[in-house]
Amino acid sequence: MSYASTRSSALVSGNPRTSSNDRGAGGASTFDRPRRLRSAGAVAAGFISIFGVTTGVDVVFHATGVFPPLGSPPMSDALFALAFGYRIVIGIAGSWLAARLAPRRPLQHALALGAIGLLFSIAGAIAMWEASRAWYPIALAASALPCAWLGGRLAERARR
């Protein structure tokens, strides 16, 4: 099919971005896929990966004795620093994943994930204020958006 006939069939269909070549087996345009659903899926995948991996590392560290058993007195500052360090790495990786899976505007998706992380960090800080050192939940909240930004930028560079 020539460019002219493709263009004219696109204009007849009412959508300048589609043509008869763009239609799938059911006649629906491949551009009709819900981009918002894919965007939400990208952010959800990043969130689930961050939550799953950090929870897994926490469980392993508690089980192996690196962290004290659950319900015991608060951890030392050094152990909170260790937890903060791996949460930064995992947060960047999860934001990178969300940005890589994003159908477009990867940095915006990573920052949306960072905003969700910020809200969860603030909620966690309020709920667990007495259970940890004060600097730890503040640091988690303060690092959410910078980690998301870095993960998004790394994904943008990988797309080029």
N, C-alpha and C. Protein backbone atom coordinates (compact mmCIF):
# COMPACT_ATOMS: atom_id res chain seq x y z
N MET A 1 0.85 -1.17 0.00
CA MET A 1 0.00 0.00 0.00
C MET A 1 0.90 1.23 0.00
N SER A 2 0.60 2.16 -0.84
CA SER A 2 1.43 3.36 -0.95
C SER A 2 1.12 4.33 0.18
N TYR A 3 2.01 5.30 0.36
CA TYR A 3 1.81 6.31 1.40
C TYR A 3 0.52 7.08 1.16
N ALA A 4 0.24 7.42 -0.09
CA ALA A 4 -0.96 8.20 -0.40
C ALA A 4 -2.22 7.42 -0.06
N SER A 5 -2.27 6.13 -0.40
CA SER A 5 -3.48 5.36 -0.10
C SER A 5 -3.59 5.09 1.40
N THR A 6 -2.46 4.91 2.08
CA THR A 6 -2.49 4.75 3.53
C THR A 6 -3.00 6.01 4.19
N ARG A 7 -2.52 7.15 3.71
CA ARG A 7 -2.94 8.43 4.27
C ARG A 7 -4.42 8.68 4.03
N SER A 8 -4.89 8.35 2.82
CA SER A 8 -6.31 8.58 2.53
C SER A 8 -7.19 7.65 3.35
N SER A 9 -6.79 6.39 3.54
CA SER A 9 -7.62 5.50 4.36
C SER A 9 -7.60 5.94 5.82
N ALA A 10 -6.52 6.55 6.28
CA ALA A 10 -6.47 7.07 7.63
C ALA A 10 -7.42 8.24 7.79
N LEU A 11 -7.50 9.07 6.77
CA LEU A 11 -8.40 10.22 6.84
C LEU A 11 -9.85 9.77 6.78
N VAL A 12 -10.13 8.73 6.00
CA VAL A 12 -11.49 8.21 5.92
C VAL A 12 -11.92 7.62 7.26
N SER A 13 -10.96 6.96 7.96
CA SER A 13 -11.30 6.34 9.24
C SER A 13 -11.55 7.37 10.33
N GLY A 14 -11.17 8.62 10.07
CA GLY A 14 -11.40 9.68 11.05
C GLY A 14 -10.26 9.86 12.03
N ASN A 15 -9.26 9.01 11.95
CA ASN A 15 -8.12 9.11 12.85
C ASN A 15 -6.86 9.24 12.00
N PRO A 16 -6.21 10.38 12.01
CA PRO A 16 -5.05 10.58 11.14
C PRO A 16 -3.86 9.71 11.54
N ARG A 17 -3.90 9.10 12.73
CA ARG A 17 -2.76 8.28 13.14
C ARG A 17 -2.94 6.82 12.76
N THR A 18 -4.10 6.44 12.27
CA THR A 18 -4.33 5.04 11.96
C THR A 18 -4.58 4.86 10.47
N SER A 19 -4.41 3.67 10.04
CA SER A 19 -4.75 3.30 8.66
C SER A 19 -5.26 1.89 8.70
N SER A 20 -5.66 1.37 7.55
CA SER A 20 -6.15 0.00 7.50
C SER A 20 -5.03 -0.97 7.88
N ASN A 21 -3.77 -0.58 7.67
CA ASN A 21 -2.64 -1.43 8.04
C ASN A 21 -2.46 -1.51 9.55
N ASP A 22 -3.00 -0.53 10.29
CA ASP A 22 -2.83 -0.48 11.73
C ASP A 22 -3.88 -1.29 12.47
N ARG A 23 -4.80 -1.87 11.78
CA ARG A 23 -5.90 -2.56 12.45
C ARG A 23 -5.51 -4.00 12.75
N GLY A 24 -5.89 -4.43 13.94
CA GLY A 24 -5.64 -5.80 14.36
C GLY A 24 -6.70 -6.74 13.82
N ALA A 25 -6.69 -7.97 14.30
CA ALA A 25 -7.61 -8.99 13.81
C ALA A 25 -9.07 -8.61 14.06
N GLY A 26 -9.35 -7.95 15.17
CA GLY A 26 -10.71 -7.58 15.48
C GLY A 26 -11.14 -6.27 14.87
N GLY A 27 -10.29 -5.63 14.08
CA GLY A 27 -10.61 -4.37 13.45
C GLY A 27 -10.30 -3.16 14.31
N ALA A 28 -9.88 -3.37 15.55
CA ALA A 28 -9.55 -2.24 16.42
C ALA A 28 -8.14 -1.77 16.11
N SER A 29 -7.95 -0.49 16.20
CA SER A 29 -6.65 0.09 15.93
C SER A 29 -5.67 -0.28 17.03
N THR A 30 -4.42 -0.51 16.65
CA THR A 30 -3.39 -0.79 17.66
C THR A 30 -3.14 0.43 18.52
N PHE A 31 -3.55 1.61 18.03
CA PHE A 31 -3.38 2.83 18.82
C PHE A 31 -4.51 2.99 19.85
N ASP A 32 -5.54 2.12 19.80
CA ASP A 32 -6.65 2.23 20.72
C ASP A 32 -6.35 1.60 22.08
N ARG A 33 -5.22 0.93 22.21
CA ARG A 33 -4.88 0.35 23.52
C ARG A 33 -4.87 1.45 24.56
N PRO A 34 -5.43 1.16 25.70
CA PRO A 34 -5.51 2.22 26.72
C PRO A 34 -4.13 2.57 27.28
N ARG A 35 -3.63 3.70 26.85
CA ARG A 35 -2.31 4.14 27.28
C ARG A 35 -2.28 4.41 28.78
N ARG A 36 -3.40 4.87 29.30
CA ARG A 36 -3.46 5.13 30.75
C ARG A 36 -3.30 3.85 31.54
N LEU A 37 -3.87 2.78 31.04
CA LEU A 37 -3.74 1.49 31.73
C LEU A 37 -2.29 1.03 31.71
N ARG A 38 -1.62 1.21 30.58
CA ARG A 38 -0.20 0.83 30.52
C ARG A 38 0.63 1.73 31.42
N SER A 39 0.27 3.00 31.52
CA SER A 39 0.99 3.91 32.42
C SER A 39 0.80 3.50 33.86
N ALA A 40 -0.45 3.21 34.22
CA ALA A 40 -0.73 2.76 35.60
C ALA A 40 -0.02 1.45 35.88
N GLY A 41 0.03 0.57 34.90
CA GLY A 41 0.74 -0.70 35.07
C GLY A 41 2.23 -0.51 35.27
N ALA A 42 2.81 0.46 34.58
CA ALA A 42 4.24 0.72 34.75
C ALA A 42 4.54 1.22 36.15
N VAL A 43 3.71 2.15 36.64
CA VAL A 43 3.91 2.67 37.99
C VAL A 43 3.64 1.57 39.02
N ALA A 44 2.60 0.77 38.80
CA ALA A 44 2.29 -0.32 39.72
C ALA A 44 3.42 -1.35 39.75
N ALA A 45 3.99 -1.65 38.60
CA ALA A 45 5.11 -2.61 38.56
C ALA A 45 6.30 -2.09 39.36
N GLY A 46 6.59 -0.79 39.23
CA GLY A 46 7.66 -0.20 40.02
C GLY A 46 7.37 -0.26 41.49
N PHE A 47 6.14 0.07 41.88
CA PHE A 47 5.75 0.05 43.29
C PHE A 47 5.84 -1.36 43.86
N ILE A 48 5.28 -2.33 43.15
CA ILE A 48 5.29 -3.71 43.62
C ILE A 48 6.72 -4.24 43.74
N SER A 49 7.57 -3.88 42.78
CA SER A 49 8.95 -4.35 42.84
C SER A 49 9.69 -3.74 44.04
N ILE A 50 9.48 -2.47 44.27
CA ILE A 50 10.13 -1.83 45.42
C ILE A 50 9.63 -2.45 46.72
N PHE A 51 8.32 -2.55 46.85
CA PHE A 51 7.73 -3.10 48.07
C PHE A 51 8.17 -4.54 48.29
N GLY A 52 8.12 -5.35 47.23
CA GLY A 52 8.49 -6.76 47.34
C GLY A 52 9.95 -6.98 47.69
N VAL A 53 10.83 -6.27 47.01
CA VAL A 53 12.26 -6.48 47.25
C VAL A 53 12.67 -5.95 48.63
N THR A 54 12.20 -4.77 49.02
CA THR A 54 12.57 -4.26 50.34
C THR A 54 12.02 -5.14 51.45
N THR A 55 10.79 -5.63 51.28
CA THR A 55 10.23 -6.54 52.28
C THR A 55 11.03 -7.83 52.34
N GLY A 56 11.41 -8.35 51.18
CA GLY A 56 12.22 -9.56 51.15
C GLY A 56 13.57 -9.39 51.83
N VAL A 57 14.24 -8.28 51.55
CA VAL A 57 15.53 -8.02 52.19
C VAL A 57 15.35 -7.88 53.71
N ASP A 58 14.30 -7.16 54.12
CA ASP A 58 14.03 -7.02 55.55
C ASP A 58 13.84 -8.39 56.22
N VAL A 59 13.04 -9.26 55.60
CA VAL A 59 12.77 -10.58 56.17
C VAL A 59 14.05 -11.40 56.27
N VAL A 60 14.85 -11.36 55.22
CA VAL A 60 16.12 -12.11 55.23
C VAL A 60 17.04 -11.57 56.32
N PHE A 61 17.14 -10.25 56.46
CA PHE A 61 18.02 -9.67 57.48
C PHE A 61 17.52 -9.98 58.89
N HIS A 62 16.22 -10.00 59.10
CA HIS A 62 15.69 -10.39 60.41
C HIS A 62 15.94 -11.87 60.67
N ALA A 63 15.74 -12.72 59.67
CA ALA A 63 15.89 -14.16 59.83
C ALA A 63 17.35 -14.57 60.06
N THR A 64 18.28 -13.83 59.46
CA THR A 64 19.69 -14.19 59.58
C THR A 64 20.38 -13.51 60.76
N GLY A 65 19.66 -12.65 61.47
CA GLY A 65 20.24 -12.01 62.65
C GLY A 65 20.95 -10.71 62.37
N VAL A 66 20.93 -10.25 61.13
CA VAL A 66 21.53 -8.95 60.84
C VAL A 66 20.72 -7.87 61.54
N PHE A 67 19.39 -7.97 61.42
CA PHE A 67 18.49 -7.08 62.15
C PHE A 67 17.97 -7.86 63.36
N PRO A 68 17.66 -7.17 64.45
CA PRO A 68 17.11 -7.86 65.62
C PRO A 68 15.72 -8.43 65.31
N PRO A 69 15.26 -9.38 66.11
CA PRO A 69 13.92 -9.94 65.88
C PRO A 69 12.85 -8.86 65.95
N LEU A 70 11.77 -9.09 65.21
CA LEU A 70 10.66 -8.15 65.23
C LEU A 70 10.11 -8.05 66.66
N GLY A 71 9.75 -6.86 67.07
CA GLY A 71 9.20 -6.63 68.39
C GLY A 71 10.24 -6.32 69.45
N SER A 72 11.51 -6.43 69.10
CA SER A 72 12.57 -6.11 70.06
C SER A 72 12.81 -4.59 70.04
N PRO A 73 13.65 -4.08 70.93
CA PRO A 73 13.92 -2.63 70.94
C PRO A 73 14.41 -2.13 69.57
N PRO A 74 14.28 -0.82 69.33
CA PRO A 74 14.67 -0.27 68.02
C PRO A 74 16.11 -0.61 67.64
N MET A 75 16.34 -0.66 66.36
CA MET A 75 17.67 -0.95 65.84
C MET A 75 18.61 0.22 66.10
N SER A 76 19.89 -0.06 65.95
CA SER A 76 20.89 0.99 66.10
C SER A 76 20.88 1.89 64.87
N ASP A 77 21.52 3.04 64.99
CA ASP A 77 21.62 3.95 63.85
C ASP A 77 22.34 3.30 62.68
N ALA A 78 23.34 2.47 62.97
CA ALA A 78 24.08 1.79 61.89
C ALA A 78 23.18 0.86 61.10
N LEU A 79 22.29 0.14 61.79
CA LEU A 79 21.39 -0.76 61.08
C LEU A 79 20.32 0.01 60.30
N PHE A 80 19.87 1.13 60.87
CA PHE A 80 18.94 1.97 60.11
C PHE A 80 19.63 2.56 58.89
N ALA A 81 20.90 2.89 59.00
CA ALA A 81 21.66 3.40 57.85
C ALA A 81 21.78 2.32 56.77
N LEU A 82 22.01 1.08 57.20
CA LEU A 82 22.05 -0.03 56.25
C LEU A 82 20.71 -0.17 55.53
N ALA A 83 19.62 -0.15 56.28
CA ALA A 83 18.29 -0.25 55.68
C ALA A 83 18.03 0.92 54.73
N PHE A 84 18.43 2.11 55.14
CA PHE A 84 18.25 3.28 54.29
C PHE A 84 19.06 3.14 52.99
N GLY A 85 20.27 2.62 53.10
CA GLY A 85 21.12 2.45 51.92
C GLY A 85 20.53 1.51 50.90
N TYR A 86 20.06 0.35 51.35
CA TYR A 86 19.50 -0.56 50.34
C TYR A 86 18.14 -0.08 49.85
N ARG A 87 17.42 0.66 50.65
CA ARG A 87 16.16 1.23 50.16
C ARG A 87 16.40 2.27 49.07
N ILE A 88 17.48 3.00 49.17
CA ILE A 88 17.81 3.97 48.11
C ILE A 88 18.09 3.23 46.80
N VAL A 89 18.91 2.20 46.86
CA VAL A 89 19.25 1.45 45.65
C VAL A 89 18.00 0.80 45.06
N ILE A 90 17.18 0.19 45.90
CA ILE A 90 15.97 -0.47 45.43
C ILE A 90 14.97 0.56 44.89
N GLY A 91 14.87 1.72 45.53
CA GLY A 91 13.98 2.78 45.05
C GLY A 91 14.38 3.29 43.68
N ILE A 92 15.68 3.45 43.47
CA ILE A 92 16.17 3.87 42.14
C ILE A 92 15.86 2.81 41.10
N ALA A 93 16.09 1.54 41.46
CA ALA A 93 15.83 0.44 40.52
C ALA A 93 14.33 0.33 40.19
N GLY A 94 13.48 0.46 41.18
CA GLY A 94 12.04 0.40 40.93
C GLY A 94 11.55 1.56 40.08
N SER A 95 12.11 2.73 40.30
CA SER A 95 11.76 3.90 39.48
C SER A 95 12.26 3.72 38.06
N TRP A 96 13.44 3.14 37.91
CA TRP A 96 13.96 2.83 36.58
C TRP A 96 13.01 1.88 35.87
N LEU A 97 12.53 0.85 36.59
CA LEU A 97 11.60 -0.12 35.99
C LEU A 97 10.31 0.57 35.54
N ALA A 98 9.75 1.40 36.39
CA ALA A 98 8.52 2.11 36.03
C ALA A 98 8.75 2.97 34.79
N ALA A 99 9.88 3.64 34.72
CA ALA A 99 10.18 4.49 33.57
C ALA A 99 10.40 3.67 32.31
N ARG A 100 11.05 2.54 32.42
CA ARG A 100 11.30 1.68 31.25
C ARG A 100 10.01 1.07 30.71
N LEU A 101 9.07 0.78 31.59
CA LEU A 101 7.81 0.19 31.16
C LEU A 101 6.80 1.23 30.67
N ALA A 102 7.08 2.49 30.94
CA ALA A 102 6.15 3.56 30.57
C ALA A 102 6.01 3.65 29.05
N PRO A 103 4.78 3.82 28.57
CA PRO A 103 4.61 3.93 27.12
C PRO A 103 5.20 5.21 26.54
N ARG A 104 5.29 6.25 27.33
CA ARG A 104 5.94 7.51 26.93
C ARG A 104 6.19 8.31 28.20
N ARG A 105 6.96 9.36 28.09
CA ARG A 105 7.34 10.22 29.21
C ARG A 105 7.81 9.43 30.43
N PRO A 106 8.93 8.74 30.31
CA PRO A 106 9.39 7.86 31.38
C PRO A 106 9.69 8.60 32.70
N LEU A 107 10.25 9.78 32.61
CA LEU A 107 10.58 10.50 33.84
C LEU A 107 9.32 10.85 34.61
N GLN A 108 8.26 11.21 33.92
CA GLN A 108 7.00 11.53 34.58
C GLN A 108 6.45 10.32 35.34
N HIS A 109 6.59 9.13 34.79
CA HIS A 109 6.14 7.92 35.45
C HIS A 109 6.98 7.63 36.69
N ALA A 110 8.28 7.80 36.57
CA ALA A 110 9.16 7.58 37.72
C ALA A 110 8.83 8.57 38.83
N LEU A 111 8.59 9.82 38.47
CA LEU A 111 8.25 10.83 39.49
C LEU A 111 6.88 10.56 40.11
N ALA A 112 5.95 10.02 39.35
CA ALA A 112 4.66 9.63 39.93
C ALA A 112 4.86 8.55 40.98
N LEU A 113 5.73 7.60 40.67
CA LEU A 113 6.07 6.57 41.65
C LEU A 113 6.76 7.19 42.87
N GLY A 114 7.63 8.16 42.63
CA GLY A 114 8.29 8.85 43.75
C GLY A 114 7.30 9.59 44.63
N ALA A 115 6.27 10.18 44.02
CA ALA A 115 5.24 10.87 44.81
C ALA A 115 4.46 9.88 45.66
N ILE A 116 4.18 8.71 45.11
CA ILE A 116 3.51 7.67 45.89
C ILE A 116 4.42 7.24 47.04
N GLY A 117 5.70 7.07 46.75
CA GLY A 117 6.65 6.71 47.80
C GLY A 117 6.74 7.77 48.88
N LEU A 118 6.70 9.03 48.48
CA LEU A 118 6.72 10.13 49.45
C LEU A 118 5.51 10.04 50.37
N LEU A 119 4.32 9.83 49.80
CA LEU A 119 3.11 9.73 50.61
C LEU A 119 3.17 8.54 51.57
N PHE A 120 3.63 7.40 51.08
CA PHE A 120 3.77 6.23 51.96
C PHE A 120 4.82 6.47 53.03
N SER A 121 5.90 7.14 52.69
CA SER A 121 6.94 7.44 53.68
C SER A 121 6.43 8.37 54.78
N ILE A 122 5.65 9.36 54.39
CA ILE A 122 5.07 10.28 55.39
C ILE A 122 4.09 9.52 56.28
N ALA A 123 3.25 8.69 55.67
CA ALA A 123 2.30 7.90 56.47
C ALA A 123 3.05 6.95 57.42
N GLY A 124 4.10 6.32 56.92
CA GLY A 124 4.90 5.44 57.77
C GLY A 124 5.59 6.18 58.89
N ALA A 125 6.06 7.39 58.59
CA ALA A 125 6.72 8.20 59.62
C ALA A 125 5.74 8.56 60.74
N ILE A 126 4.53 8.90 60.36
CA ILE A 126 3.52 9.24 61.37
C ILE A 126 3.14 8.01 62.19
N ALA A 127 2.94 6.89 61.51
CA ALA A 127 2.50 5.68 62.20
C ALA A 127 3.59 5.06 63.08
N MET A 128 4.83 5.17 62.66
CA MET A 128 5.92 4.47 63.36
C MET A 128 6.91 5.42 64.03
N TRP A 129 6.50 6.63 64.32
CA TRP A 129 7.42 7.64 64.84
C TRP A 129 8.15 7.16 66.08
N GLU A 130 7.47 6.51 66.99
CA GLU A 130 8.08 6.06 68.24
C GLU A 130 8.91 4.79 68.07
N ALA A 131 8.72 4.06 66.98
CA ALA A 131 9.38 2.77 66.80
C ALA A 131 10.77 2.87 66.16
N SER A 132 11.16 4.03 65.71
CA SER A 132 12.45 4.15 65.05
C SER A 132 13.12 5.47 65.41
N ARG A 133 14.31 5.63 64.94
CA ARG A 133 15.01 6.90 65.11
C ARG A 133 14.31 7.95 64.25
N ALA A 134 14.30 9.18 64.70
CA ALA A 134 13.56 10.24 63.99
C ALA A 134 14.15 10.50 62.60
N TRP A 135 15.46 10.38 62.45
CA TRP A 135 16.07 10.71 61.17
C TRP A 135 15.67 9.73 60.07
N TYR A 136 15.38 8.48 60.44
CA TYR A 136 15.14 7.46 59.43
C TYR A 136 13.88 7.71 58.60
N PRO A 137 12.71 7.88 59.20
CA PRO A 137 11.54 8.14 58.35
C PRO A 137 11.62 9.48 57.62
N ILE A 138 12.28 10.45 58.23
CA ILE A 138 12.46 11.74 57.54
C ILE A 138 13.34 11.55 56.31
N ALA A 139 14.41 10.78 56.47
CA ALA A 139 15.32 10.52 55.34
C ALA A 139 14.62 9.73 54.24
N LEU A 140 13.77 8.77 54.63
CA LEU A 140 13.03 8.02 53.60
C LEU A 140 12.12 8.94 52.80
N ALA A 141 11.41 9.82 53.50
CA ALA A 141 10.51 10.75 52.81
C ALA A 141 11.30 11.72 51.93
N ALA A 142 12.40 12.22 52.46
CA ALA A 142 13.20 13.19 51.72
C ALA A 142 13.88 12.59 50.50
N SER A 143 14.13 11.30 50.52
CA SER A 143 14.84 10.66 49.41
C SER A 143 13.92 10.10 48.33
N ALA A 144 12.63 10.05 48.57
CA ALA A 144 11.70 9.40 47.63
C ALA A 144 11.76 10.05 46.24
N LEU A 145 11.61 11.35 46.17
CA LEU A 145 11.59 12.02 44.86
C LEU A 145 12.97 12.06 44.19
N PRO A 146 14.07 12.32 44.93
CA PRO A 146 15.38 12.26 44.26
C PRO A 146 15.70 10.87 43.71
N CYS A 147 15.35 9.82 44.44
CA CYS A 147 15.59 8.46 43.93
C CYS A 147 14.76 8.20 42.68
N ALA A 148 13.52 8.64 42.71
CA ALA A 148 12.65 8.46 41.54
C ALA A 148 13.20 9.24 40.34
N TRP A 149 13.65 10.44 40.58
CA TRP A 149 14.21 11.26 39.49
C TRP A 149 15.42 10.55 38.88
N LEU A 150 16.31 10.04 39.74
CA LEU A 150 17.52 9.38 39.23
C LEU A 150 17.16 8.12 38.45
N GLY A 151 16.23 7.32 38.97
CA GLY A 151 15.80 6.13 38.24
C GLY A 151 15.19 6.48 36.89
N GLY A 152 14.39 7.53 36.86
CA GLY A 152 13.79 7.98 35.61
C GLY A 152 14.82 8.49 34.62
N ARG A 153 15.78 9.24 35.10
CA ARG A 153 16.84 9.76 34.20
C ARG A 153 17.68 8.61 33.63
N LEU A 154 17.99 7.62 34.47
CA LEU A 154 18.75 6.47 33.98
C LEU A 154 17.98 5.72 32.90
N ALA A 155 16.68 5.59 33.08
CA ALA A 155 15.85 4.92 32.08
C ALA A 155 15.78 5.74 30.79
N GLU A 156 15.70 7.05 30.90
CA GLU A 156 15.69 7.90 29.71
C GLU A 156 16.98 7.74 28.93
N ARG A 157 18.09 7.69 29.62
CA ARG A 157 19.37 7.50 28.94
C ARG A 157 19.45 6.16 28.25
N ALA A 158 18.88 5.13 28.88
CA ALA A 158 18.91 3.80 28.29
C ALA A 158 18.04 3.72 27.03
N ARG A 159 17.02 4.56 26.94
CA ARG A 159 16.14 4.57 25.77
C ARG A 159 16.80 5.20 24.55
N ARG A 160 17.80 6.01 24.76
CA ARG A 160 18.43 6.73 23.64
C ARG A 160 19.31 5.86 22.84
